[in-house]
Amino acid sequence: MSKSDQSFLHQFSLLIAGLGVLTLVLIFTAWTIYEHEPKETDPNAAQQLSASLAPNGAVYAGNTGRAAMLAAQEAAAKAAAAQVAYGGTTDGKTIYDNLCHSCHTAGVAGAPVLGNKTMWGPRIAEGLDTLIKHATDGYKGPDGNFMPAKGGNPSLNDAQVKAAVTWIVDQAK
């Protein structure tokens, strides 16, 4: 190796070593500045963290899971039933206007249209108690029509369902 090559390698090595030292000095300086900065304190940080880490759902497996799932469904049904719909009114027209009209005005899912005697006639012939039972428990007819339990609003009580069904049937007589 020639003397000029050795000189170049020596100077290049010093340059690389100097850059390495400069890098370490900059890292140490940045770390020191960071340590002396006041930390932000967010009073909601812990709550936000626990909310983001909380599971979004539940997993039910086997007989134990089935029992837990049934208990959760029962608790949800009781909570919904505890909140009586529409202020507890038993005015059939009010309940119809707030809930039933969405299906029984347009005939959605095979629902008989309000006041249509042709559609309501065979149903009325089955008896008011049967219609109330179908409205309370839900019903899937042989022709594909579908009535969700309590019209899809589990917070209706039995008296409200009966009042709504009675009012609707009276419109078809």
Protein backbone atom coordinates (compact mmCIF):
# COMPACT_ATOMS: atom_id res chain seq x y z
CA MET A 1 0.00 0.00 0.00
CA SER A 2 1.37 3.38 -0.91
CA LYS A 3 1.95 6.24 1.51
CA SER A 4 -0.91 8.29 0.01
CA ASP A 5 -3.33 5.35 0.45
CA GLN A 6 -2.31 4.98 4.10
CA SER A 7 -2.77 8.72 4.63
CA PHE A 8 -6.27 8.58 3.06
CA LEU A 9 -7.31 5.61 5.22
CA HIS A 10 -6.00 7.36 8.35
CA GLN A 11 -7.93 10.58 7.60
CA PHE A 12 -11.05 8.64 6.60
CA SER A 13 -10.93 6.63 9.85
CA LEU A 14 -10.62 9.86 11.86
CA LEU A 15 -13.64 11.29 9.97
CA ILE A 16 -15.77 8.19 10.68
CA ALA A 17 -14.73 8.20 14.37
CA GLY A 18 -15.55 11.93 14.62
CA LEU A 19 -18.98 11.39 13.10
CA GLY A 20 -19.62 8.52 15.53
CA VAL A 21 -18.68 10.73 18.50
CA LEU A 22 -20.87 13.55 17.12
CA THR A 23 -23.80 11.11 16.85
CA LEU A 24 -23.38 9.99 20.46
CA VAL A 25 -23.17 13.62 21.65
CA LEU A 26 -26.39 14.50 19.78
CA ILE A 27 -28.20 11.46 21.19
CA PHE A 28 -27.10 12.27 24.73
CA THR A 29 -28.10 15.95 24.31
CA ALA A 30 -31.54 15.01 23.00
CA TRP A 31 -32.06 12.55 25.84
CA THR A 32 -31.06 15.18 28.41
CA ILE A 33 -33.44 17.75 26.92
CA TYR A 34 -36.26 15.18 26.87
CA GLU A 35 -35.70 14.28 30.52
CA HIS A 36 -35.95 17.93 31.60
CA GLU A 37 -39.19 18.66 29.70
CA PRO A 38 -42.31 18.72 31.88
CA LYS A 39 -44.53 15.71 31.26
CA GLU A 40 -48.10 16.24 30.08
CA THR A 41 -50.69 14.97 32.48
CA ASP A 42 -54.06 14.02 31.03
CA PRO A 43 -56.60 13.15 33.72
CA ASN A 44 -58.51 10.98 31.25
CA ALA A 45 -55.49 9.06 29.95
CA ALA A 46 -55.95 6.04 32.21
CA GLN A 47 -59.66 5.87 31.46
CA GLN A 48 -59.05 6.15 27.70
CA LEU A 49 -56.40 3.46 27.86
CA SER A 50 -58.63 1.03 29.73
CA ALA A 51 -61.49 1.74 27.31
CA SER A 52 -59.27 1.05 24.31
CA LEU A 53 -58.01 -2.18 25.87
CA ALA A 54 -61.46 -3.43 26.89
CA PRO A 55 -62.87 -6.25 24.76
CA ASN A 56 -65.51 -5.30 22.21
CA GLY A 57 -67.57 -8.43 22.66
CA ALA A 58 -67.77 -11.67 24.52
CA VAL A 59 -66.92 -15.23 23.62
CA TYR A 60 -69.25 -17.99 24.71
CA ALA A 61 -68.10 -21.58 24.38
CA GLY A 62 -69.50 -24.89 25.61
CA ASN A 63 -72.13 -25.34 28.30
CA THR A 64 -70.59 -22.71 30.57
CA GLY A 65 -70.61 -20.21 27.72
CA ARG A 66 -74.16 -21.12 26.78
CA ALA A 67 -75.28 -20.48 30.37
CA ALA A 68 -73.44 -17.15 30.41
CA MET A 69 -74.96 -16.17 27.07
CA LEU A 70 -78.48 -17.02 28.26
CA ALA A 71 -77.91 -15.07 31.46
CA ALA A 72 -76.69 -12.06 29.47
CA GLN A 73 -79.71 -12.25 27.16
CA GLU A 74 -82.07 -12.52 30.13
CA ALA A 75 -80.42 -9.54 31.82
CA ALA A 76 -80.73 -7.50 28.62
CA ALA A 77 -84.39 -8.46 28.26
CA LYS A 78 -85.09 -7.48 31.88
CA ALA A 79 -83.30 -4.17 31.41
CA ALA A 80 -85.30 -3.48 28.25
CA ALA A 81 -88.55 -4.48 29.92
CA ALA A 82 -87.81 -2.17 32.83
CA GLN A 83 -88.01 0.77 30.45
CA VAL A 84 -91.63 0.91 29.34
CA ALA A 85 -92.06 2.31 25.85
CA TYR A 86 -93.89 5.53 25.00
CA GLY A 87 -94.34 6.61 28.60
CA GLY A 88 -96.38 3.51 29.39
CA THR A 89 -99.36 4.64 27.32
CA THR A 90 -101.97 2.02 26.44
CA ASP A 91 -103.47 4.11 23.64
CA GLY A 92 -103.37 1.77 20.64
CA LYS A 93 -103.24 4.59 18.09
CA THR A 94 -100.25 6.21 19.80
CA ILE A 95 -98.36 2.91 19.82
CA TYR A 96 -99.32 2.28 16.17
CA ASP A 97 -98.16 5.76 15.15
CA ASN A 98 -94.82 5.34 16.94
CA LEU A 99 -94.00 1.75 16.00
CA CYS A 100 -96.45 -0.30 13.95
CA HIS A 101 -97.05 2.12 11.08
CA SER A 102 -93.60 1.51 9.58
CA CYS A 103 -94.60 -2.02 8.51
CA HIS A 104 -98.40 -1.95 8.49
CA THR A 105 -98.66 1.09 6.21
CA ALA A 106 -96.48 -0.31 3.41
CA GLY A 107 -97.00 -4.05 3.99
CA VAL A 108 -93.34 -4.69 4.83
CA ALA A 109 -92.45 -8.41 5.27
CA GLY A 110 -96.00 -9.40 4.38
CA ALA A 111 -97.58 -7.28 7.12
CA PRO A 112 -101.29 -6.73 6.54
CA VAL A 113 -101.97 -3.09 5.66
CA LEU A 114 -103.95 -1.07 8.19
CA GLY A 115 -107.67 -1.05 7.32
CA ASN A 116 -107.38 -3.63 4.51
CA LYS A 117 -110.30 -5.95 5.28
CA THR A 118 -109.19 -8.53 2.72
CA MET A 119 -105.79 -8.94 4.35
CA TRP A 120 -107.08 -8.74 7.92
CA GLY A 121 -110.19 -10.92 7.51
CA PRO A 122 -108.50 -14.35 7.82
CA ARG A 123 -106.32 -13.11 10.65
CA ILE A 124 -109.26 -11.69 12.59
CA ALA A 125 -111.05 -15.01 12.10
CA GLU A 126 -108.27 -16.71 14.11
CA GLY A 127 -109.27 -14.62 17.11
CA LEU A 128 -107.94 -11.60 18.93
CA ASP A 129 -106.03 -13.73 21.45
CA THR A 130 -104.08 -15.42 18.64
CA LEU A 131 -103.23 -12.05 17.07
CA ILE A 132 -102.07 -10.71 20.43
CA LYS A 133 -99.95 -13.85 20.98
CA HIS A 134 -98.36 -13.46 17.53
CA ALA A 135 -97.66 -9.78 18.19
CA THR A 136 -96.21 -10.50 21.64
CA ASP A 137 -94.11 -13.58 20.83
CA GLY A 138 -93.42 -12.96 17.16
CA TYR A 139 -94.68 -14.96 14.20
CA LYS A 140 -93.41 -16.35 10.92
CA GLY A 141 -96.24 -17.25 8.60
CA PRO A 142 -96.34 -20.08 6.06
CA ASP A 143 -96.38 -17.57 3.20
CA GLY A 144 -93.16 -15.93 4.42
CA ASN A 145 -94.72 -13.01 6.28
CA PHE A 146 -92.94 -12.08 9.49
CA MET A 147 -93.97 -10.32 12.69
CA PRO A 148 -91.14 -9.57 15.14
CA ALA A 149 -91.88 -10.03 18.84
CA LYS A 150 -93.46 -6.86 20.24
CA GLY A 151 -93.02 -5.23 16.86
CA GLY A 152 -89.26 -5.21 17.40
CA ASN A 153 -89.51 -3.07 20.55
CA PRO A 154 -88.87 -5.25 23.62
CA SER A 155 -89.73 -2.38 25.98
CA LEU A 156 -93.43 -2.68 25.11
CA ASN A 157 -95.37 -4.36 27.88
CA ASP A 158 -98.16 -6.86 27.28
CA ALA A 159 -100.91 -4.30 27.90
CA GLN A 160 -99.43 -2.00 25.26
CA VAL A 161 -99.20 -4.83 22.71
CA LYS A 162 -102.81 -5.78 23.40
CA ALA A 163 -103.95 -2.15 23.04
CA ALA A 164 -102.12 -1.74 19.73
CA VAL A 165 -103.44 -5.01 18.28
CA THR A 166 -106.99 -4.20 19.39
CA TRP A 167 -106.82 -0.75 17.79
CA ILE A 168 -105.41 -2.14 14.52
CA VAL A 169 -108.08 -4.86 14.37
CA ASP A 170 -110.82 -2.28 15.01
CA GLN A 171 -109.60 -0.38 11.94
CA ALA A 172 -110.19 -3.43 9.75
CA LYS A 173 -113.73 -4.20 10.94
